[in-house]
Amino acid sequence: MSNLQVLTTERLTKLIDETQQTLLELKEEMIRREQVKQEHEIMDLDHHMQNAEVSLATIRNFIKFLMEDSKKR
């Protein structure tokens, strides 16, 4: 594209239109990738929350065990 002066106005217009369309497609792809990334982060967060609930339940059970054990002594 170093010699734009030899292109006709019609060809320049077509190149601009094609470039704008390509830019729109690239932006749409960028948005799609961001959405996929966010969906994965949400799924990971859900997984981490489930693990936290299990860990919390384990801690509660351990504290309950310690309290019952201390009452026996």
PDB file of N, CA and C in Angstrom:
ATOM      1  N   MET A   1       0.817  -1.209   0.000  1.00  0.00           N
ATOM      2  CA  MET A   1       0.000   0.000   0.000  1.00  0.00           C
ATOM      3  C   MET A   1       0.853   1.262   0.000  1.00  0.00           C
ATOM      4  N   SER A   2       2.062   1.154  -0.429  1.00  0.00           N
ATOM      5  CA  SER A   2       2.933   2.327  -0.413  1.00  0.00           C
ATOM      6  C   SER A   2       2.591   3.312  -1.512  1.00  0.00           C
ATOM      7  N   ASN A   3       1.849   2.869  -2.525  1.00  0.00           N
ATOM      8  CA  ASN A   3       1.555   3.756  -3.634  1.00  0.00           C
ATOM      9  C   ASN A   3       0.043   3.950  -3.787  1.00  0.00           C
ATOM     10  N   LEU A   4      -0.557   4.637  -2.829  1.00  0.00           N
ATOM     11  CA  LEU A   4      -2.009   4.846  -2.825  1.00  0.00           C
ATOM     12  C   LEU A   4      -2.484   5.763  -3.943  1.00  0.00           C
ATOM     13  N   GLN A   5      -1.603   6.555  -4.466  1.00  0.00           N
ATOM     14  CA  GLN A   5      -1.999   7.532  -5.489  1.00  0.00           C
ATOM     15  C   GLN A   5      -2.423   6.885  -6.806  1.00  0.00           C
ATOM     16  N   VAL A   6      -2.002   5.648  -7.057  1.00  0.00           N
ATOM     17  CA  VAL A   6      -2.386   4.981  -8.300  1.00  0.00           C
ATOM     18  C   VAL A   6      -3.746   4.296  -8.186  1.00  0.00           C
ATOM     19  N   LEU A   7      -4.264   4.189  -6.971  1.00  0.00           N
ATOM     20  CA  LEU A   7      -5.563   3.551  -6.783  1.00  0.00           C
ATOM     21  C   LEU A   7      -6.687   4.506  -7.152  1.00  0.00           C
ATOM     22  N   THR A   8      -7.722   3.930  -7.717  1.00  0.00           N
ATOM     23  CA  THR A   8      -8.890   4.756  -8.044  1.00  0.00           C
ATOM     24  C   THR A   8      -9.646   5.090  -6.761  1.00  0.00           C
ATOM     25  N   THR A   9     -10.470   6.097  -6.847  1.00  0.00           N
ATOM     26  CA  THR A   9     -11.290   6.491  -5.701  1.00  0.00           C
ATOM     27  C   THR A   9     -12.210   5.343  -5.302  1.00  0.00           C
ATOM     28  N   GLU A  10     -12.746   4.657  -6.302  1.00  0.00           N
ATOM     29  CA  GLU A  10     -13.631   3.535  -6.026  1.00  0.00           C
ATOM     30  C   GLU A  10     -12.883   2.426  -5.275  1.00  0.00           C
ATOM     31  N   ARG A  11     -11.647   2.167  -5.717  1.00  0.00           N
ATOM     32  CA  ARG A  11     -10.861   1.121  -5.051  1.00  0.00           C
ATOM     33  C   ARG A  11     -10.504   1.534  -3.627  1.00  0.00           C
ATOM     34  N   LEU A  12     -10.182   2.793  -3.438  1.00  0.00           N
ATOM     35  CA  LEU A  12      -9.898   3.297  -2.094  1.00  0.00           C
ATOM     36  C   LEU A  12     -11.124   3.162  -1.197  1.00  0.00           C
ATOM     37  N   THR A  13     -12.275   3.503  -1.737  1.00  0.00           N
ATOM     38  CA  THR A  13     -13.518   3.387  -0.982  1.00  0.00           C
ATOM     39  C   THR A  13     -13.764   1.932  -0.591  1.00  0.00           C
ATOM     40  N   LYS A  14     -13.538   1.021  -1.549  1.00  0.00           N
ATOM     41  CA  LYS A  14     -13.718  -0.398  -1.255  1.00  0.00           C
ATOM     42  C   LYS A  14     -12.729  -0.867  -0.190  1.00  0.00           C
ATOM     43  N   LEU A  15     -11.491  -0.435  -0.272  1.00  0.00           N
ATOM     44  CA  LEU A  15     -10.490  -0.796   0.731  1.00  0.00           C
ATOM     45  C   LEU A  15     -10.858  -0.264   2.110  1.00  0.00           C
ATOM     46  N   ILE A  16     -11.381   0.932   2.171  1.00  0.00           N
ATOM     47  CA  ILE A  16     -11.822   1.510   3.446  1.00  0.00           C
ATOM     48  C   ILE A  16     -12.966   0.685   4.021  1.00  0.00           C
ATOM     49  N   ASP A  17     -13.930   0.347   3.159  1.00  0.00           N
ATOM     50  CA  ASP A  17     -15.068  -0.458   3.611  1.00  0.00           C
ATOM     51  C   ASP A  17     -14.612  -1.823   4.130  1.00  0.00           C
ATOM     52  N   GLU A  18     -13.708  -2.457   3.396  1.00  0.00           N
ATOM     53  CA  GLU A  18     -13.199  -3.762   3.815  1.00  0.00           C
ATOM     54  C   GLU A  18     -12.429  -3.648   5.133  1.00  0.00           C
ATOM     55  N   THR A  19     -11.657  -2.592   5.261  1.00  0.00           N
ATOM     56  CA  THR A  19     -10.883  -2.377   6.487  1.00  0.00           C
ATOM     57  C   THR A  19     -11.810  -2.145   7.673  1.00  0.00           C
ATOM     58  N   GLN A  20     -12.859  -1.357   7.473  1.00  0.00           N
ATOM     59  CA  GLN A  20     -13.818  -1.114   8.545  1.00  0.00           C
ATOM     60  C   GLN A  20     -14.532  -2.401   8.942  1.00  0.00           C
ATOM     61  N   GLN A  21     -14.885  -3.224   7.963  1.00  0.00           N
ATOM     62  CA  GLN A  21     -15.544  -4.497   8.249  1.00  0.00           C
ATOM     63  C   GLN A  21     -14.605  -5.418   9.030  1.00  0.00           C
ATOM     64  N   THR A  22     -13.358  -5.457   8.609  1.00  0.00           N
ATOM     65  CA  THR A  22     -12.368  -6.273   9.318  1.00  0.00           C
ATOM     66  C   THR A  22     -12.202  -5.775  10.741  1.00  0.00           C
ATOM     67  N   LEU A  23     -12.165  -4.484  10.930  1.00  0.00           N
ATOM     68  CA  LEU A  23     -12.030  -3.916  12.270  1.00  0.00           C
ATOM     69  C   LEU A  23     -13.229  -4.291  13.139  1.00  0.00           C
ATOM     70  N   LEU A  24     -14.422  -4.227  12.584  1.00  0.00           N
ATOM     71  CA  LEU A  24     -15.617  -4.642  13.326  1.00  0.00           C
ATOM     72  C   LEU A  24     -15.529  -6.114  13.738  1.00  0.00           C
ATOM     73  N   GLU A  25     -15.079  -6.957  12.823  1.00  0.00           N
ATOM     74  CA  GLU A  25     -14.948  -8.385  13.126  1.00  0.00           C
ATOM     75  C   GLU A  25     -13.908  -8.610  14.224  1.00  0.00           C
ATOM     76  N   LEU A  26     -12.820  -7.876  14.168  1.00  0.00           N
ATOM     77  CA  LEU A  26     -11.786  -7.999  15.195  1.00  0.00           C
ATOM     78  C   LEU A  26     -12.313  -7.549  16.555  1.00  0.00           C
ATOM     79  N   LYS A  27     -13.077  -6.470  16.577  1.00  0.00           N
ATOM     80  CA  LYS A  27     -13.656  -5.994  17.836  1.00  0.00           C
ATOM     81  C   LYS A  27     -14.642  -7.012  18.398  1.00  0.00           C
ATOM     82  N   GLU A  28     -15.461  -7.603  17.526  1.00  0.00           N
ATOM     83  CA  GLU A  28     -16.407  -8.621  17.968  1.00  0.00           C
ATOM     84  C   GLU A  28     -15.671  -9.829  18.552  1.00  0.00           C
ATOM     85  N   GLU A  29     -14.578 -10.220  17.913  1.00  0.00           N
ATOM     86  CA  GLU A  29     -13.792 -11.346  18.420  1.00  0.00           C
ATOM     87  C   GLU A  29     -13.185 -11.007  19.778  1.00  0.00           C
ATOM     88  N   MET A  30     -12.740  -9.779  19.939  1.00  0.00           N
ATOM     89  CA  MET A  30     -12.173  -9.354  21.213  1.00  0.00           C
ATOM     90  C   MET A  30     -13.234  -9.415  22.312  1.00  0.00           C
ATOM     91  N   ILE A  31     -14.432  -8.952  22.018  1.00  0.00           N
ATOM     92  CA  ILE A  31     -15.540  -8.997  22.972  1.00  0.00           C
ATOM     93  C   ILE A  31     -15.881 -10.449  23.314  1.00  0.00           C
ATOM     94  N   ARG A  32     -15.928 -11.311  22.288  1.00  0.00           N
ATOM     95  CA  ARG A  32     -16.238 -12.729  22.517  1.00  0.00           C
ATOM     96  C   ARG A  32     -15.201 -13.368  23.437  1.00  0.00           C
ATOM     97  N   ARG A  33     -13.938 -13.059  23.206  1.00  0.00           N
ATOM     98  CA  ARG A  33     -12.871 -13.626  24.045  1.00  0.00           C
ATOM     99  C   ARG A  33     -12.975 -13.135  25.486  1.00  0.00           C
ATOM    100  N   GLU A  34     -13.303 -11.874  25.661  1.00  0.00           N
ATOM    101  CA  GLU A  34     -13.479 -11.332  27.016  1.00  0.00           C
ATOM    102  C   GLU A  34     -14.623 -12.035  27.728  1.00  0.00           C
ATOM    103  N   GLN A  35     -15.715 -12.279  26.991  1.00  0.00           N
ATOM    104  CA  GLN A  35     -16.860 -12.964  27.590  1.00  0.00           C
ATOM    105  C   GLN A  35     -16.495 -14.389  27.994  1.00  0.00           C
ATOM    106  N   VAL A  36     -15.763 -15.083  27.139  1.00  0.00           N
ATOM    107  CA  VAL A  36     -15.326 -16.446  27.455  1.00  0.00           C
ATOM    108  C   VAL A  36     -14.420 -16.421  28.681  1.00  0.00           C
ATOM    109  N   LYS A  37     -13.520 -15.459  28.727  1.00  0.00           N
ATOM    110  CA  LYS A  37     -12.611 -15.335  29.869  1.00  0.00           C
ATOM    111  C   LYS A  37     -13.395 -15.104  31.159  1.00  0.00           C
ATOM    112  N   GLN A  38     -14.385 -14.210  31.109  1.00  0.00           N
ATOM    113  CA  GLN A  38     -15.194 -13.930  32.293  1.00  0.00           C
ATOM    114  C   GLN A  38     -15.988 -15.161  32.718  1.00  0.00           C
ATOM    115  N   GLU A  39     -16.521 -15.900  31.747  1.00  0.00           N
ATOM    116  CA  GLU A  39     -17.267 -17.115  32.068  1.00  0.00           C
ATOM    117  C   GLU A  39     -16.367 -18.129  32.781  1.00  0.00           C
ATOM    118  N   HIS A  40     -15.134 -18.260  32.310  1.00  0.00           N
ATOM    119  CA  HIS A  40     -14.198 -19.184  32.951  1.00  0.00           C
ATOM    120  C   HIS A  40     -13.866 -18.718  34.363  1.00  0.00           C
ATOM    121  N   GLU A  41     -13.684 -17.412  34.534  1.00  0.00           N
ATOM    122  CA  GLU A  41     -13.386 -16.885  35.866  1.00  0.00           C
ATOM    123  C   GLU A  41     -14.546 -17.122  36.822  1.00  0.00           C
ATOM    124  N   ILE A  42     -15.773 -16.973  36.328  1.00  0.00           N
ATOM    125  CA  ILE A  42     -16.956 -17.215  37.159  1.00  0.00           C
ATOM    126  C   ILE A  42     -17.035 -18.688  37.545  1.00  0.00           C
ATOM    127  N   MET A  43     -16.753 -19.581  36.590  1.00  0.00           N
ATOM    128  CA  MET A  43     -16.787 -21.012  36.902  1.00  0.00           C
ATOM    129  C   MET A  43     -15.699 -21.351  37.915  1.00  0.00           C
ATOM    130  N   ASP A  44     -14.520 -20.745  37.749  1.00  0.00           N
ATOM    131  CA  ASP A  44     -13.449 -20.976  38.717  1.00  0.00           C
ATOM    132  C   ASP A  44     -13.838 -20.454  40.093  1.00  0.00           C
ATOM    133  N   LEU A  45     -14.478 -19.289  40.137  1.00  0.00           N
ATOM    134  CA  LEU A  45     -14.915 -18.715  41.408  1.00  0.00           C
ATOM    135  C   LEU A  45     -15.915 -19.643  42.087  1.00  0.00           C
ATOM    136  N   ASP A  46     -16.843 -20.185  41.315  1.00  0.00           N
ATOM    137  CA  ASP A  46     -17.827 -21.121  41.871  1.00  0.00           C
ATOM    138  C   ASP A  46     -17.117 -22.335  42.457  1.00  0.00           C
ATOM    139  N   HIS A  47     -16.130 -22.835  41.764  1.00  0.00           N
ATOM    140  CA  HIS A  47     -15.359 -23.985  42.253  1.00  0.00           C
ATOM    141  C   HIS A  47     -14.629 -23.638  43.554  1.00  0.00           C
ATOM    142  N   HIS A  48     -14.020 -22.462  43.600  1.00  0.00           N
ATOM    143  CA  HIS A  48     -13.318 -22.032  44.811  1.00  0.00           C
ATOM    144  C   HIS A  48     -14.281 -21.862  45.986  1.00  0.00           C
ATOM    145  N   MET A  49     -15.468 -21.337  45.702  1.00  0.00           N
ATOM    146  CA  MET A  49     -16.460 -21.161  46.767  1.00  0.00           C
ATOM    147  C   MET A  49     -16.903 -22.519  47.322  1.00  0.00           C
ATOM    148  N   GLN A  50     -17.071 -23.491  46.450  1.00  0.00           N
ATOM    149  CA  GLN A  50     -17.440 -24.835  46.912  1.00  0.00           C
ATOM    150  C   GLN A  50     -16.334 -25.416  47.789  1.00  0.00           C
ATOM    151  N   ASN A  51     -15.091 -25.205  47.387  1.00  0.00           N
ATOM    152  CA  ASN A  51     -13.969 -25.681  48.202  1.00  0.00           C
ATOM    153  C   ASN A  51     -13.929 -24.961  49.546  1.00  0.00           C
ATOM    154  N   ALA A  52     -14.230 -23.684  49.541  1.00  0.00           N
ATOM    155  CA  ALA A  52     -14.231 -22.918  50.791  1.00  0.00           C
ATOM    156  C   ALA A  52     -15.314 -23.437  51.730  1.00  0.00           C
ATOM    157  N   GLU A  53     -16.472 -23.771  51.170  1.00  0.00           N
ATOM    158  CA  GLU A  53     -17.556 -24.310  51.992  1.00  0.00           C
ATOM    159  C   GLU A  53     -17.138 -25.633  52.626  1.00  0.00           C
ATOM    160  N   VAL A  54     -16.476 -26.487  51.861  1.00  0.00           N
ATOM    161  CA  VAL A  54     -16.011 -27.767  52.397  1.00  0.00           C
ATOM    162  C   VAL A  54     -14.983 -27.519  53.497  1.00  0.00           C
ATOM    163  N   SER A  55     -14.067 -26.589  53.256  1.00  0.00           N
ATOM    164  CA  SER A  55     -13.043 -26.274  54.262  1.00  0.00           C
ATOM    165  C   SER A  55     -13.679 -25.724  55.529  1.00  0.00           C
ATOM    166  N   LEU A  56     -14.656 -24.854  55.372  1.00  0.00           N
ATOM    167  CA  LEU A  56     -15.339 -24.282  56.525  1.00  0.00           C
ATOM    168  C   LEU A  56     -16.066 -25.367  57.320  1.00  0.00           C
ATOM    169  N   ALA A  57     -16.692 -26.281  56.618  1.00  0.00           N
ATOM    170  CA  ALA A  57     -17.383 -27.380  57.300  1.00  0.00           C
ATOM    171  C   ALA A  57     -16.385 -28.237  58.076  1.00  0.00           C
ATOM    172  N   THR A  58     -15.228 -28.461  57.495  1.00  0.00           N
ATOM    173  CA  THR A  58     -14.192 -29.239  58.184  1.00  0.00           C
ATOM    174  C   THR A  58     -13.725 -28.520  59.444  1.00  0.00           C
ATOM    175  N   ILE A  59     -13.537 -27.222  59.346  1.00  0.00           N
ATOM    176  CA  ILE A  59     -13.108 -26.433  60.511  1.00  0.00           C
ATOM    177  C   ILE A  59     -14.184 -26.471  61.598  1.00  0.00           C
ATOM    178  N   ARG A  60     -15.446 -26.320  61.201  1.00  0.00           N
ATOM    179  CA  ARG A  60     -16.547 -26.376  62.176  1.00  0.00           C
ATOM    180  C   ARG A  60     -16.573 -27.720  62.892  1.00  0.00           C
ATOM    181  N   ASN A  61     -16.425 -28.774  62.121  1.00  0.00           N
ATOM    182  CA  ASN A  61     -16.426 -30.112  62.724  1.00  0.00           C
ATOM    183  C   ASN A  61     -15.268 -30.282  63.689  1.00  0.00           C
ATOM    184  N   PHE A  62     -14.111 -29.749  63.343  1.00  0.00           N
ATOM    185  CA  PHE A  62     -12.947 -29.850  64.219  1.00  0.00           C
ATOM    186  C   PHE A  62     -13.166 -29.060  65.511  1.00  0.00           C
ATOM    187  N   ILE A  63     -13.723 -27.861  65.394  1.00  0.00           N
ATOM    188  CA  ILE A  63     -14.010 -27.049  66.588  1.00  0.00           C
ATOM    189  C   ILE A  63     -15.042 -27.762  67.464  1.00  0.00           C
ATOM    190  N   LYS A  64     -16.058 -28.328  66.841  1.00  0.00           N
ATOM    191  CA  LYS A  64     -17.075 -29.077  67.583  1.00  0.00           C
ATOM    192  C   LYS A  64     -16.429 -30.249  68.324  1.00  0.00           C
ATOM    193  N   PHE A  65     -15.541 -30.950  67.639  1.00  0.00           N
ATOM    194  CA  PHE A  65     -14.833 -32.059  68.272  1.00  0.00           C
ATOM    195  C   PHE A  65     -14.014 -31.578  69.469  1.00  0.00           C
ATOM    196  N   LEU A  66     -13.291 -30.465  69.297  1.00  0.00           N
ATOM    197  CA  LEU A  66     -12.471 -29.923  70.397  1.00  0.00           C
ATOM    198  C   LEU A  66     -13.340 -29.524  71.584  1.00  0.00           C
ATOM    199  N   MET A  67     -14.492 -28.903  71.311  1.00  0.00           N
ATOM    200  CA  MET A  67     -15.373 -28.477  72.407  1.00  0.00           C
ATOM    201  C   MET A  67     -15.937 -29.690  73.148  1.00  0.00           C
ATOM    202  N   GLU A  68     -16.347 -30.704  72.401  1.00  0.00           N
ATOM    203  CA  GLU A  68     -16.875 -31.905  73.043  1.00  0.00           C
ATOM    204  C   GLU A  68     -15.780 -32.623  73.838  1.00  0.00           C
ATOM    205  N   ASP A  69     -14.599 -32.622  73.283  1.00  0.00           N
ATOM    206  CA  ASP A  69     -13.475 -33.254  73.983  1.00  0.00           C
ATOM    207  C   ASP A  69     -13.135 -32.509  75.260  1.00  0.00           C
ATOM    208  N   SER A  70     -13.173 -31.173  75.200  1.00  0.00           N
ATOM    209  CA  SER A  70     -12.837 -30.396  76.395  1.00  0.00           C
ATOM    210  C   SER A  70     -13.929 -30.555  77.470  1.00  0.00           C
ATOM    211  N   LYS A  71     -15.179 -30.794  77.095  1.00  0.00           N
ATOM    212  CA  LYS A  71     -16.250 -31.023  78.067  1.00  0.00           C
ATOM    213  C   LYS A  71     -16.068 -32.366  78.770  1.00  0.00           C
ATOM    214  N   LYS A  72     -15.499 -33.327  78.080  1.00  0.00           N
ATOM    215  CA  LYS A  72     -15.295 -34.654  78.650  1.00  0.00           C
ATOM    216  C   LYS A  72     -14.192 -34.640  79.702  1.00  0.00           C
ATOM    217  N   ARG A  73     -13.297 -33.684  79.619  1.00  0.00           N
ATOM    218  CA  ARG A  73     -12.163 -33.655  80.550  1.00  0.00           C
ATOM    219  C   ARG A  73     -12.480 -32.947  81.806  1.00  0.00           C
TER     220      ARG A  73
END
